[in-house]
PDB file of N, CA and C in Angstrom:
ATOM      1  N   MET A   1     122.211  -5.725 100.549  1.00  0.00           N
ATOM      2  CA  MET A   1     122.292  -7.442 100.708  1.00  0.00           C
ATOM      3  C   MET A   1     122.947  -7.323 102.480  1.00  0.00           C
ATOM      4  N   TRP A   2     123.175  -6.438 102.938  1.00  0.00           N
ATOM      5  CA  TRP A   2     123.543  -6.469 104.598  1.00  0.00           C
ATOM      6  C   TRP A   2     122.245  -6.590 105.177  1.00  0.00           C
ATOM      7  N   LEU A   3     121.113  -5.807 104.893  1.00  0.00           N
ATOM      8  CA  LEU A   3     119.573  -6.474 105.391  1.00  0.00           C
ATOM      9  C   LEU A   3     119.309  -7.845 104.958  1.00  0.00           C
ATOM     10  N   GLN A   4     119.562  -8.214 104.105  1.00  0.00           N
ATOM     11  CA  GLN A   4     118.976  -9.928 103.660  1.00  0.00           C
ATOM     12  C   GLN A   4     119.869 -10.303 104.619  1.00  0.00           C
ATOM     13  N   VAL A   5     121.079 -10.326 105.027  1.00  0.00           N
ATOM     14  CA  VAL A   5     121.997 -11.476 105.490  1.00  0.00           C
ATOM     15  C   VAL A   5     121.754 -11.019 106.926  1.00  0.00           C
ATOM     16  N   THR A   6     121.494 -10.340 107.269  1.00  0.00           N
ATOM     17  CA  THR A   6     121.531  -9.743 109.009  1.00  0.00           C
ATOM     18  C   THR A   6     120.029  -9.364 110.088  1.00  0.00           C
ATOM     19  N   THR A   7     119.148  -9.240 109.141  1.00  0.00           N
ATOM     20  CA  THR A   7     117.993  -8.814 109.790  1.00  0.00           C
ATOM     21  C   THR A   7     116.666  -9.145 109.148  1.00  0.00           C
ATOM     22  N   GLN A   8     116.659  -9.024 107.906  1.00  0.00           N
ATOM     23  CA  GLN A   8     115.391  -9.468 107.203  1.00  0.00           C
ATOM     24  C   GLN A   8     115.350 -10.705 106.243  1.00  0.00           C
ATOM     25  N   PRO A   9     114.953 -11.882 106.754  1.00  0.00           N
ATOM     26  CA  PRO A   9     114.934 -12.804 105.691  1.00  0.00           C
ATOM     27  C   PRO A   9     113.748 -13.029 104.750  1.00  0.00           C
ATOM     28  N   ASP A  10     112.522 -11.925 105.147  1.00  0.00           N
ATOM     29  CA  ASP A  10     111.435 -12.012 104.156  1.00  0.00           C
ATOM     30  C   ASP A  10     112.311 -11.504 103.035  1.00  0.00           C
ATOM     31  N   ILE A  11     113.443 -10.253 102.581  1.00  0.00           N
ATOM     32  CA  ILE A  11     113.898  -9.795 101.414  1.00  0.00           C
ATOM     33  C   ILE A  11     114.651 -10.513 100.758  1.00  0.00           C
ATOM     34  N   SER A  12     115.281 -11.876 101.128  1.00  0.00           N
ATOM     35  CA  SER A  12     116.139 -12.469 100.600  1.00  0.00           C
ATOM     36  C   SER A  12     116.089 -13.084  99.238  1.00  0.00           C
ATOM     37  N   TYR A  13     115.199 -13.411  98.595  1.00  0.00           N
ATOM     38  CA  TYR A  13     114.883 -13.773  97.882  1.00  0.00           C
ATOM     39  C   TYR A  13     115.157 -12.748  96.659  1.00  0.00           C
ATOM     40  N   ILE A  14     114.197 -11.702  96.571  1.00  0.00           N
ATOM     41  CA  ILE A  14     113.983 -10.631  96.074  1.00  0.00           C
ATOM     42  C   ILE A  14     115.616  -9.614  96.027  1.00  0.00           C
ATOM     43  N   VAL A  15     116.446  -9.796  97.014  1.00  0.00           N
ATOM     44  CA  VAL A  15     117.635  -8.987  97.083  1.00  0.00           C
ATOM     45  C   VAL A  15     118.923  -9.886  96.243  1.00  0.00           C
ATOM     46  N   THR A  16     118.677 -11.579  96.026  1.00  0.00           N
ATOM     47  CA  THR A  16     119.494 -12.413  95.643  1.00  0.00           C
ATOM     48  C   THR A  16     118.974 -12.067  94.176  1.00  0.00           C
ATOM     49  N   LEU A  17     118.174 -11.843  93.946  1.00  0.00           N
ATOM     50  CA  LEU A  17     117.658 -11.367  92.506  1.00  0.00           C
ATOM     51  C   LEU A  17     117.943 -10.349  91.810  1.00  0.00           C
ATOM     52  N   LEU A  18     117.819  -9.352  92.515  1.00  0.00           N
ATOM     53  CA  LEU A  18     118.103  -7.856  91.782  1.00  0.00           C
ATOM     54  C   LEU A  18     119.993  -7.997  91.921  1.00  0.00           C
ATOM     55  N   SER A  19     120.365  -8.411  92.614  1.00  0.00           N
ATOM     56  CA  SER A  19     121.734  -8.556  92.863  1.00  0.00           C
ATOM     57  C   SER A  19     122.490  -9.079  91.354  1.00  0.00           C
ATOM     58  N   ARG A  20     121.812 -10.179  90.647  1.00  0.00           N
ATOM     59  CA  ARG A  20     122.065 -10.747  89.201  1.00  0.00           C
ATOM     60  C   ARG A  20     122.402  -9.219  88.486  1.00  0.00           C
ATOM     61  N   PHE A  21     121.570  -8.440  88.663  1.00  0.00           N
ATOM     62  CA  PHE A  21     121.610  -7.015  87.373  1.00  0.00           C
ATOM     63  C   PHE A  21     122.322  -6.132  88.220  1.00  0.00           C
ATOM     64  N   ALA A  22     123.015  -6.212  89.343  1.00  0.00           N
ATOM     65  CA  ALA A  22     123.405  -4.713  89.783  1.00  0.00           C
ATOM     66  C   ALA A  22     124.849  -4.473  88.778  1.00  0.00           C
ATOM     67  N   HIS A  23     125.416  -4.971  87.983  1.00  0.00           N
ATOM     68  CA  HIS A  23     126.511  -4.772  86.817  1.00  0.00           C
ATOM     69  C   HIS A  23     126.130  -4.012  85.642  1.00  0.00           C
ATOM     70  N   ASN A  24     124.405  -3.914  85.291  1.00  0.00           N
ATOM     71  CA  ASN A  24     123.505  -3.094  84.532  1.00  0.00           C
ATOM     72  C   ASN A  24     122.495  -3.503  84.750  1.00  0.00           C
ATOM     73  N   PRO A  25     121.692  -2.447  85.409  1.00  0.00           N
ATOM     74  CA  PRO A  25     120.267  -2.549  86.057  1.00  0.00           C
ATOM     75  C   PRO A  25     119.263  -1.811  84.941  1.00  0.00           C
ATOM     76  N   GLY A  26     118.494  -2.484  84.865  1.00  0.00           N
ATOM     77  CA  GLY A  26     117.910  -1.255  83.756  1.00  0.00           C
ATOM     78  C   GLY A  26     116.621  -0.583  84.275  1.00  0.00           C
ATOM     79  N   LYS A  27     115.558  -0.051  83.914  1.00  0.00           N
ATOM     80  CA  LYS A  27     114.668   0.813  84.419  1.00  0.00           C
ATOM     81  C   LYS A  27     113.523  -0.247  85.500  1.00  0.00           C
ATOM     82  N   LEU A  28     113.556  -1.391  84.783  1.00  0.00           N
ATOM     83  CA  LEU A  28     112.630  -2.316  85.680  1.00  0.00           C
ATOM     84  C   LEU A  28     113.183  -2.836  86.969  1.00  0.00           C
ATOM     85  N   HIS A  29     114.865  -2.758  86.941  1.00  0.00           N
ATOM     86  CA  HIS A  29     115.401  -3.097  88.401  1.00  0.00           C
ATOM     87  C   HIS A  29     115.514  -1.715  89.308  1.00  0.00           C
ATOM     88  N   TRP A  30     115.669  -0.889  88.657  1.00  0.00           N
ATOM     89  CA  TRP A  30     115.496   0.186  89.568  1.00  0.00           C
ATOM     90  C   TRP A  30     114.360   0.445  90.403  1.00  0.00           C
ATOM     91  N   SER A  31     113.125   0.143  89.705  1.00  0.00           N
ATOM     92  CA  SER A  31     112.108   0.481  90.056  1.00  0.00           C
ATOM     93  C   SER A  31     111.783  -0.799  91.444  1.00  0.00           C
ATOM     94  N   ALA A  32     111.905  -1.953  91.025  1.00  0.00           N
ATOM     95  CA  ALA A  32     112.009  -3.111  91.743  1.00  0.00           C
ATOM     96  C   ALA A  32     112.919  -2.663  93.093  1.00  0.00           C
ATOM     97  N   VAL A  33     113.895  -2.379  92.720  1.00  0.00           N
ATOM     98  CA  VAL A  33     114.901  -1.539  94.190  1.00  0.00           C
ATOM     99  C   VAL A  33     114.190  -0.285  94.690  1.00  0.00           C
ATOM    100  N   LYS A  34     113.470   0.669  94.257  1.00  0.00           N
ATOM    101  CA  LYS A  34     113.125   1.532  95.353  1.00  0.00           C
ATOM    102  C   LYS A  34     111.544   0.818  95.813  1.00  0.00           C
ATOM    103  N   HIS A  35     110.929  -0.310  95.305  1.00  0.00           N
ATOM    104  CA  HIS A  35     109.758  -1.097  95.748  1.00  0.00           C
ATOM    105  C   HIS A  35     110.505  -1.320  97.150  1.00  0.00           C
ATOM    106  N   VAL A  36     111.647  -2.567  96.858  1.00  0.00           N
ATOM    107  CA  VAL A  36     111.832  -3.053  98.231  1.00  0.00           C
ATOM    108  C   VAL A  36     112.562  -2.230  99.002  1.00  0.00           C
ATOM    109  N   LEU A  37     113.274  -0.656  99.086  1.00  0.00           N
ATOM    110  CA  LEU A  37     113.356   0.053 100.044  1.00  0.00           C
ATOM    111  C   LEU A  37     112.436   0.841 100.182  1.00  0.00           C
ATOM    112  N   ALA A  38     110.978   1.008  99.856  1.00  0.00           N
ATOM    113  CA  ALA A  38     109.824   1.412 100.471  1.00  0.00           C
ATOM    114  C   ALA A  38     109.621   0.088 101.167  1.00  0.00           C
ATOM    115  N   TYR A  39     109.334  -1.056 101.287  1.00  0.00           N
ATOM    116  CA  TYR A  39     109.063  -1.849 101.962  1.00  0.00           C
ATOM    117  C   TYR A  39     109.772  -2.009 103.360  1.00  0.00           C
ATOM    118  N   ILE A  40     110.852  -1.674 103.133  1.00  0.00           N
ATOM    119  CA  ILE A  40     112.260  -1.821 104.496  1.00  0.00           C
ATOM    120  C   ILE A  40     111.667  -0.630 105.342  1.00  0.00           C
ATOM    121  N   LYS A  41     111.426   0.710 104.536  1.00  0.00           N
ATOM    122  CA  LYS A  41     111.122   1.578 105.510  1.00  0.00           C
ATOM    123  C   LYS A  41     109.712   1.389 106.160  1.00  0.00           C
ATOM    124  N   GLY A  42     108.904   0.622 105.478  1.00  0.00           N
ATOM    125  CA  GLY A  42     107.271   0.736 106.208  1.00  0.00           C
ATOM    126  C   GLY A  42     107.422  -0.313 107.316  1.00  0.00           C
ATOM    127  N   THR A  43     108.725  -1.335 107.040  1.00  0.00           N
ATOM    128  CA  THR A  43     108.898  -2.554 108.076  1.00  0.00           C
ATOM    129  C   THR A  43     109.875  -2.275 109.441  1.00  0.00           C
ATOM    130  N   LEU A  44     110.452  -0.770 109.581  1.00  0.00           N
ATOM    131  CA  LEU A  44     111.584  -0.422 110.422  1.00  0.00           C
ATOM    132  C   LEU A  44     111.423  -1.144 111.716  1.00  0.00           C
ATOM    133  N   ASP A  45     110.055  -1.085 112.437  1.00  0.00           N
ATOM    134  CA  ASP A  45     109.764  -1.529 113.377  1.00  0.00           C
ATOM    135  C   ASP A  45     109.929  -2.983 113.681  1.00  0.00           C
ATOM    136  N   TYR A  46     109.850  -3.795 112.395  1.00  0.00           N
ATOM    137  CA  TYR A  46     109.704  -5.401 112.861  1.00  0.00           C
ATOM    138  C   TYR A  46     110.810  -5.733 113.266  1.00  0.00           C
ATOM    139  N   ARG A  47     110.934  -6.844 114.178  1.00  0.00           N
ATOM    140  CA  ARG A  47     112.327  -7.357 114.581  1.00  0.00           C
ATOM    141  C   ARG A  47     112.014  -8.580 114.492  1.00  0.00           C
ATOM    142  N   ILE A  48     113.599  -9.572 114.837  1.00  0.00           N
ATOM    143  CA  ILE A  48     112.977 -10.562 114.661  1.00  0.00           C
ATOM    144  C   ILE A  48     113.544 -11.399 116.394  1.00  0.00           C
ATOM    145  N   THR A  49     112.372 -11.857 116.587  1.00  0.00           N
ATOM    146  CA  THR A  49     112.202 -12.163 118.158  1.00  0.00           C
ATOM    147  C   THR A  49     112.063 -13.984 118.691  1.00  0.00           C
ATOM    148  N   TYR A  50     112.977 -14.176 119.776  1.00  0.00           N
ATOM    149  CA  TYR A  50     112.820 -15.514 119.808  1.00  0.00           C
ATOM    150  C   TYR A  50     112.011 -16.053 121.215  1.00  0.00           C
ATOM    151  N   SER A  51     111.537 -16.843 121.233  1.00  0.00           N
ATOM    152  CA  SER A  51     110.618 -16.942 122.562  1.00  0.00           C
ATOM    153  C   SER A  51     111.078 -18.031 123.513  1.00  0.00           C
ATOM    154  N   THR A  52     111.009 -17.781 124.723  1.00  0.00           N
ATOM    155  CA  THR A  52     111.924 -18.537 125.680  1.00  0.00           C
ATOM    156  C   THR A  52     110.881 -19.864 126.098  1.00  0.00           C
ATOM    157  N   ASP A  53     109.494 -19.799 125.450  1.00  0.00           N
ATOM    158  CA  ASP A  53     109.194 -21.296 125.194  1.00  0.00           C
ATOM    159  C   ASP A  53     109.061 -22.149 123.942  1.00  0.00           C
ATOM    160  N   GLY A  54     109.985 -21.459 123.705  1.00  0.00           N
ATOM    161  CA  GLY A  54     110.138 -22.272 121.888  1.00  0.00           C
ATOM    162  C   GLY A  54     111.089 -23.264 121.844  1.00  0.00           C
ATOM    163  N   GLU A  55     111.066 -24.158 120.938  1.00  0.00           N
ATOM    164  CA  GLU A  55     111.661 -25.094 120.831  1.00  0.00           C
ATOM    165  C   GLU A  55     113.168 -25.067 120.489  1.00  0.00           C
ATOM    166  N   LEU A  56     113.865 -25.577 121.142  1.00  0.00           N
ATOM    167  CA  LEU A  56     115.112 -25.257 120.707  1.00  0.00           C
ATOM    168  C   LEU A  56     116.138 -26.069 119.839  1.00  0.00           C
ATOM    169  N   SER A  57     115.397 -27.171 119.441  1.00  0.00           N
ATOM    170  CA  SER A  57     115.894 -28.058 118.710  1.00  0.00           C
ATOM    171  C   SER A  57     115.390 -27.332 117.364  1.00  0.00           C
ATOM    172  N   PRO A  58     116.477 -27.180 116.132  1.00  0.00           N
ATOM    173  CA  PRO A  58     116.073 -26.505 114.928  1.00  0.00           C
ATOM    174  C   PRO A  58     115.305 -27.060 114.085  1.00  0.00           C
ATOM    175  N   ILE A  59     114.878 -26.300 113.606  1.00  0.00           N
ATOM    176  CA  ILE A  59     113.305 -26.556 112.338  1.00  0.00           C
ATOM    177  C   ILE A  59     113.770 -26.001 111.041  1.00  0.00           C
ATOM    178  N   GLY A  60     113.758 -26.411 110.014  1.00  0.00           N
ATOM    179  CA  GLY A  60     114.661 -26.468 108.945  1.00  0.00           C
ATOM    180  C   GLY A  60     113.268 -26.545 107.602  1.00  0.00           C
ATOM    181  N   TYR A  61     113.281 -25.403 107.012  1.00  0.00           N
ATOM    182  CA  TYR A  61     112.400 -25.342 105.306  1.00  0.00           C
ATOM    183  C   TYR A  61     113.480 -25.226 104.417  1.00  0.00           C
ATOM    184  N   ILE A  62     113.185 -26.118 103.260  1.00  0.00           N
ATOM    185  CA  ILE A  62     114.379 -25.811 101.999  1.00  0.00           C
ATOM    186  C   ILE A  62     112.965 -26.323 100.986  1.00  0.00           C
ATOM    187  N   ASN A  63     113.052 -25.235  99.819  1.00  0.00           N
ATOM    188  CA  ASN A  63     112.128 -25.124  98.910  1.00  0.00           C
ATOM    189  C   ASN A  63     113.123 -24.486  97.380  1.00  0.00           C
ATOM    190  N   SER A  64     112.671 -24.981  96.494  1.00  0.00           N
ATOM    191  CA  SER A  64     113.335 -25.191  95.650  1.00  0.00           C
ATOM    192  C   SER A  64     112.421 -24.731  94.217  1.00  0.00           C
ATOM    193  N   ASN A  65     112.924 -23.387  93.294  1.00  0.00           N
ATOM    194  CA  ASN A  65     111.862 -23.344  91.992  1.00  0.00           C
ATOM    195  C   ASN A  65     112.534 -23.587  91.086  1.00  0.00           C
ATOM    196  N   PHE A  66     111.949 -24.635  90.519  1.00  0.00           N
ATOM    197  CA  PHE A  66     112.708 -25.481  89.009  1.00  0.00           C
ATOM    198  C   PHE A  66     112.710 -24.354  87.943  1.00  0.00           C
ATOM    199  N   ALA A  67     113.758 -24.013  87.550  1.00  0.00           N
ATOM    200  CA  ALA A  67     114.096 -23.657  86.171  1.00  0.00           C
ATOM    201  C   ALA A  67     113.409 -22.425  85.721  1.00  0.00           C
ATOM    202  N   ARG A  68     113.028 -21.338  87.074  1.00  0.00           N
ATOM    203  CA  ARG A  68     112.001 -20.501  86.643  1.00  0.00           C
ATOM    204  C   ARG A  68     112.404 -19.130  85.383  1.00  0.00           C
ATOM    205  N   TYR A  69     113.711 -19.202  85.448  1.00  0.00           N
ATOM    206  CA  TYR A  69     114.586 -18.310  84.366  1.00  0.00           C
ATOM    207  C   TYR A  69     115.009 -19.166  83.609  1.00  0.00           C
ATOM    208  N   LYS A  70     114.124 -19.526  82.156  1.00  0.00           N
ATOM    209  CA  LYS A  70     114.659 -20.045  81.142  1.00  0.00           C
ATOM    210  C   LYS A  70     116.167 -19.480  80.429  1.00  0.00           C
ATOM    211  N   ASP A  71     116.408 -18.248  80.554  1.00  0.00           N
ATOM    212  CA  ASP A  71     117.736 -17.746  79.751  1.00  0.00           C
ATOM    213  C   ASP A  71     119.078 -18.392  80.605  1.00  0.00           C
ATOM    214  N   ILE A  72     118.544 -19.039  81.802  1.00  0.00           N
ATOM    215  CA  ILE A  72     119.999 -19.245  82.510  1.00  0.00           C
ATOM    216  C   ILE A  72     119.692 -20.805  83.124  1.00  0.00           C
ATOM    217  N   HIS A  73     118.555 -21.459  82.819  1.00  0.00           N
ATOM    218  CA  HIS A  73     118.195 -22.783  83.111  1.00  0.00           C
ATOM    219  C   HIS A  73     118.654 -23.388  84.344  1.00  0.00           C
ATOM    220  N   CYS A  74     118.696 -22.193  85.302  1.00  0.00           N
ATOM    221  CA  CYS A  74     118.949 -22.860  86.476  1.00  0.00           C
ATOM    222  C   CYS A  74     117.755 -22.609  87.457  1.00  0.00           C
ATOM    223  N   SER A  75     117.620 -23.594  88.431  1.00  0.00           N
ATOM    224  CA  SER A  75     116.559 -23.410  89.787  1.00  0.00           C
ATOM    225  C   SER A  75     117.360 -22.404  90.891  1.00  0.00           C
ATOM    226  N   THR A  76     116.087 -21.953  91.435  1.00  0.00           N
ATOM    227  CA  THR A  76     116.599 -21.035  92.802  1.00  0.00           C
ATOM    228  C   THR A  76     116.169 -21.864  94.019  1.00  0.00           C
ATOM    229  N   GLU A  77     117.205 -22.128  94.820  1.00  0.00           N
ATOM    230  CA  GLU A  77     116.927 -22.690  96.329  1.00  0.00           C
ATOM    231  C   GLU A  77     116.369 -21.742  97.416  1.00  0.00           C
ATOM    232  N   GLY A  78     116.203 -21.854  97.985  1.00  0.00           N
ATOM    233  CA  GLY A  78     115.980 -21.275  99.667  1.00  0.00           C
ATOM    234  C   GLY A  78     115.983 -21.823 100.559  1.00  0.00           C
ATOM    235  N   ASN A  79     116.251 -21.674 101.805  1.00  0.00           N
ATOM    236  CA  ASN A  79     116.019 -22.546 103.008  1.00  0.00           C
ATOM    237  C   ASN A  79     115.867 -21.429 104.510  1.00  0.00           C
ATOM    238  N   ILE A  80     115.863 -21.841 105.558  1.00  0.00           N
ATOM    239  CA  ILE A  80     115.490 -21.035 106.618  1.00  0.00           C
ATOM    240  C   ILE A  80     115.405 -22.295 107.810  1.00  0.00           C
ATOM    241  N   PHE A  81     116.321 -21.812 109.083  1.00  0.00           N
ATOM    242  CA  PHE A  81     116.343 -22.628 109.870  1.00  0.00           C
ATOM    243  C   PHE A  81     115.975 -21.838 110.909  1.00  0.00           C
ATOM    244  N   ILE A  82     114.553 -22.382 112.178  1.00  0.00           N
ATOM    245  CA  ILE A  82     114.135 -21.623 112.900  1.00  0.00           C
ATOM    246  C   ILE A  82     114.388 -22.219 114.224  1.00  0.00           C
ATOM    247  N   VAL A  83     114.768 -21.649 115.392  1.00  0.00           N
ATOM    248  CA  VAL A  83     115.187 -22.264 116.834  1.00  0.00           C
ATOM    249  C   VAL A  83     114.543 -21.118 117.713  1.00  0.00           C
ATOM    250  N   ALA A  84     113.707 -21.604 118.845  1.00  0.00           N
ATOM    251  CA  ALA A  84     112.978 -20.911 119.704  1.00  0.00           C
ATOM    252  C   ALA A  84     112.246 -19.932 118.990  1.00  0.00           C
ATOM    253  N   LYS A  85     111.316 -20.353 118.202  1.00  0.00           N
ATOM    254  CA  LYS A  85     110.372 -19.640 116.942  1.00  0.00           C
ATOM    255  C   LYS A  85     110.500 -18.527 116.593  1.00  0.00           C
ATOM    256  N   GLY A  86     112.280 -18.159 115.990  1.00  0.00           N
ATOM    257  CA  GLY A  86     112.854 -17.092 115.580  1.00  0.00           C
ATOM    258  C   GLY A  86     113.642 -18.096 114.397  1.00  0.00           C
ATOM    259  N   PRO A  87     113.854 -16.915 113.244  1.00  0.00           N
ATOM    260  CA  PRO A  87     115.429 -17.742 112.493  1.00  0.00           C
ATOM    261  C   PRO A  87     116.426 -17.357 112.694  1.00  0.00           C
ATOM    262  N   VAL A  88     117.644 -18.267 112.898  1.00  0.00           N
ATOM    263  CA  VAL A  88     118.574 -18.213 112.978  1.00  0.00           C
ATOM    264  C   VAL A  88     119.167 -18.490 111.433  1.00  0.00           C
ATOM    265  N   SER A  89     118.926 -18.825 110.741  1.00  0.00           N
ATOM    266  CA  SER A  89     119.796 -18.546 109.322  1.00  0.00           C
ATOM    267  C   SER A  89     118.817 -19.080 108.184  1.00  0.00           C
ATOM    268  N   TRP A  90     119.372 -18.325 107.250  1.00  0.00           N
ATOM    269  CA  TRP A  90     118.465 -18.347 106.220  1.00  0.00           C
ATOM    270  C   TRP A  90     119.244 -18.128 104.568  1.00  0.00           C
ATOM    271  N   GLU A  91     118.484 -18.165 103.809  1.00  0.00           N
ATOM    272  CA  GLU A  91     119.215 -18.059 102.270  1.00  0.00           C
ATOM    273  C   GLU A  91     118.834 -18.265 100.864  1.00  0.00           C
ATOM    274  N   SER A  92     119.011 -17.660  99.974  1.00  0.00           N
ATOM    275  CA  SER A  92     118.147 -17.616  98.886  1.00  0.00           C
ATOM    276  C   SER A  92     119.576 -17.678  97.836  1.00  0.00           C
ATOM    277  N   LYS A  93     119.414 -18.981  96.946  1.00  0.00           N
ATOM    278  CA  LYS A  93     120.642 -18.631  95.680  1.00  0.00           C
ATOM    279  C   LYS A  93     120.369 -19.508  94.271  1.00  0.00           C
ATOM    280  N   ARG A  94     120.818 -18.645  93.539  1.00  0.00           N
ATOM    281  CA  ARG A  94     121.077 -20.296  92.262  1.00  0.00           C
ATOM    282  C   ARG A  94     121.639 -21.181  92.460  1.00  0.00           C
ATOM    283  N   GLN A  95     120.954 -22.538  92.144  1.00  0.00           N
ATOM    284  CA  GLN A  95     121.604 -23.669  92.340  1.00  0.00           C
ATOM    285  C   GLN A  95     122.975 -23.758  91.063  1.00  0.00           C
ATOM    286  N   GLU A  96     124.047 -24.401  91.388  1.00  0.00           N
ATOM    287  CA  GLU A  96     125.271 -24.221  90.663  1.00  0.00           C
ATOM    288  C   GLU A  96     124.897 -25.172  89.484  1.00  0.00           C
ATOM    289  N   THR A  97     123.820 -26.484  89.624  1.00  0.00           N
ATOM    290  CA  THR A  97     123.896 -27.585  88.570  1.00  0.00           C
ATOM    291  C   THR A  97     122.339 -27.290  87.911  1.00  0.00           C
ATOM    292  N   VAL A  98     122.595 -27.617  86.697  1.00  0.00           N
ATOM    293  CA  VAL A  98     120.843 -27.531  86.045  1.00  0.00           C
ATOM    294  C   VAL A  98     120.768 -29.150  86.196  1.00  0.00           C
ATOM    295  N   THR A  99     118.937 -29.026  86.541  1.00  0.00           N
ATOM    296  CA  THR A  99     118.455 -30.123  87.295  1.00  0.00           C
ATOM    297  C   THR A  99     117.390 -30.158  85.925  1.00  0.00           C
ATOM    298  N   LEU A 100     116.769 -31.493  85.775  1.00  0.00           N
ATOM    299  CA  LEU A 100     115.928 -31.780  84.715  1.00  0.00           C
ATOM    300  C   LEU A 100     114.721 -31.906  85.439  1.00  0.00           C
ATOM    301  N   SER A 101     114.461 -31.707  86.533  1.00  0.00           N
ATOM    302  CA  SER A 101     112.799 -31.833  86.935  1.00  0.00           C
ATOM    303  C   SER A 101     112.698 -31.241  88.545  1.00  0.00           C
ATOM    304  N   MET A 102     111.330 -30.754  88.732  1.00  0.00           N
ATOM    305  CA  MET A 102     111.369 -30.376  89.817  1.00  0.00           C
ATOM    306  C   MET A 102     111.932 -31.235  91.392  1.00  0.00           C
ATOM    307  N   VAL A 103     111.485 -32.684  91.177  1.00  0.00           N
ATOM    308  CA  VAL A 103     111.878 -33.490  91.899  1.00  0.00           C
ATOM    309  C   VAL A 103     113.804 -33.354  92.468  1.00  0.00           C
ATOM    310  N   GLU A 104     114.435 -33.413  91.370  1.00  0.00           N
ATOM    311  CA  GLU A 104     115.939 -33.241  91.356  1.00  0.00           C
ATOM    312  C   GLU A 104     116.406 -31.881  91.760  1.00  0.00           C
ATOM    313  N   ALA A 105     115.862 -30.566  91.338  1.00  0.00           N
ATOM    314  CA  ALA A 105     115.610 -29.356  92.012  1.00  0.00           C
ATOM    315  C   ALA A 105     115.961 -29.624  93.654  1.00  0.00           C
ATOM    316  N   GLU A 106     114.622 -29.820  94.069  1.00  0.00           N
ATOM    317  CA  GLU A 106     114.445 -30.281  95.414  1.00  0.00           C
ATOM    318  C   GLU A 106     115.391 -31.200  95.966  1.00  0.00           C
ATOM    319  N   TYR A 107     115.800 -32.182  95.611  1.00  0.00           N
ATOM    320  CA  TYR A 107     116.767 -33.266  96.131  1.00  0.00           C
ATOM    321  C   TYR A 107     118.088 -32.423  96.249  1.00  0.00           C
ATOM    322  N   MET A 108     118.562 -31.585  95.018  1.00  0.00           N
ATOM    323  CA  MET A 108     120.006 -30.848  95.078  1.00  0.00           C
ATOM    324  C   MET A 108     119.763 -29.814  96.162  1.00  0.00           C
ATOM    325  N   GLY A 109     118.852 -29.205  96.439  1.00  0.00           N
ATOM    326  CA  GLY A 109     118.881 -28.222  97.530  1.00  0.00           C
ATOM    327  C   GLY A 109     118.782 -29.260  98.989  1.00  0.00           C
ATOM    328  N   PHE A 110     118.152 -30.147  99.127  1.00  0.00           N
ATOM    329  CA  PHE A 110     118.272 -30.839 100.114  1.00  0.00           C
ATOM    330  C   PHE A 110     119.677 -31.259 100.382  1.00  0.00           C
ATOM    331  N   LEU A 111     120.375 -32.078  99.531  1.00  0.00           N
ATOM    332  CA  LEU A 111     121.756 -32.285  99.580  1.00  0.00           C
ATOM    333  C   LEU A 111     122.649 -31.072  99.956  1.00  0.00           C
ATOM    334  N   ARG A 112     122.173 -30.160  99.249  1.00  0.00           N
ATOM    335  CA  ARG A 112     123.692 -28.978  99.854  1.00  0.00           C
ATOM    336  C   ARG A 112     123.514 -28.595 101.429  1.00  0.00           C
ATOM    337  N   VAL A 113     122.230 -28.427 101.376  1.00  0.00           N
ATOM    338  CA  VAL A 113     121.827 -27.897 102.902  1.00  0.00           C
ATOM    339  C   VAL A 113     122.264 -28.979 104.193  1.00  0.00           C
ATOM    340  N   ALA A 114     122.187 -30.601 103.544  1.00  0.00           N
ATOM    341  CA  ALA A 114     122.238 -31.762 104.475  1.00  0.00           C
ATOM    342  C   ALA A 114     123.449 -31.901 104.756  1.00  0.00           C
ATOM    343  N   ILE A 115     124.657 -31.870 104.173  1.00  0.00           N
ATOM    344  CA  ILE A 115     125.983 -32.361 103.871  1.00  0.00           C
ATOM    345  C   ILE A 115     126.676 -30.735 105.109  1.00  0.00           C
TER     346      ILE A 115
END
């Protein structure tokens, strides 16, 4: 999780998803972890860079995935904020509330970030 939080926003979703099975991982989960580690090994030279001519006002993107996992009935939300053409904040997590539609899931994600 340290890599997700500090260096690589592109693995944020899969690390959050895999962390749900940390207490009892199966073969499929270990296979996914190996795949993530291979991806990280292949992207060791990638860096977050910021542009000196980039816009200094933050740009934010927020998205939700409505109840993708039917067993938990929760939506997943993610966000990323960019300043000077580089990410400064990102997150992927399960929503705390159960929503009844995609619109409501998106709205709940926006509310949580906007407040």
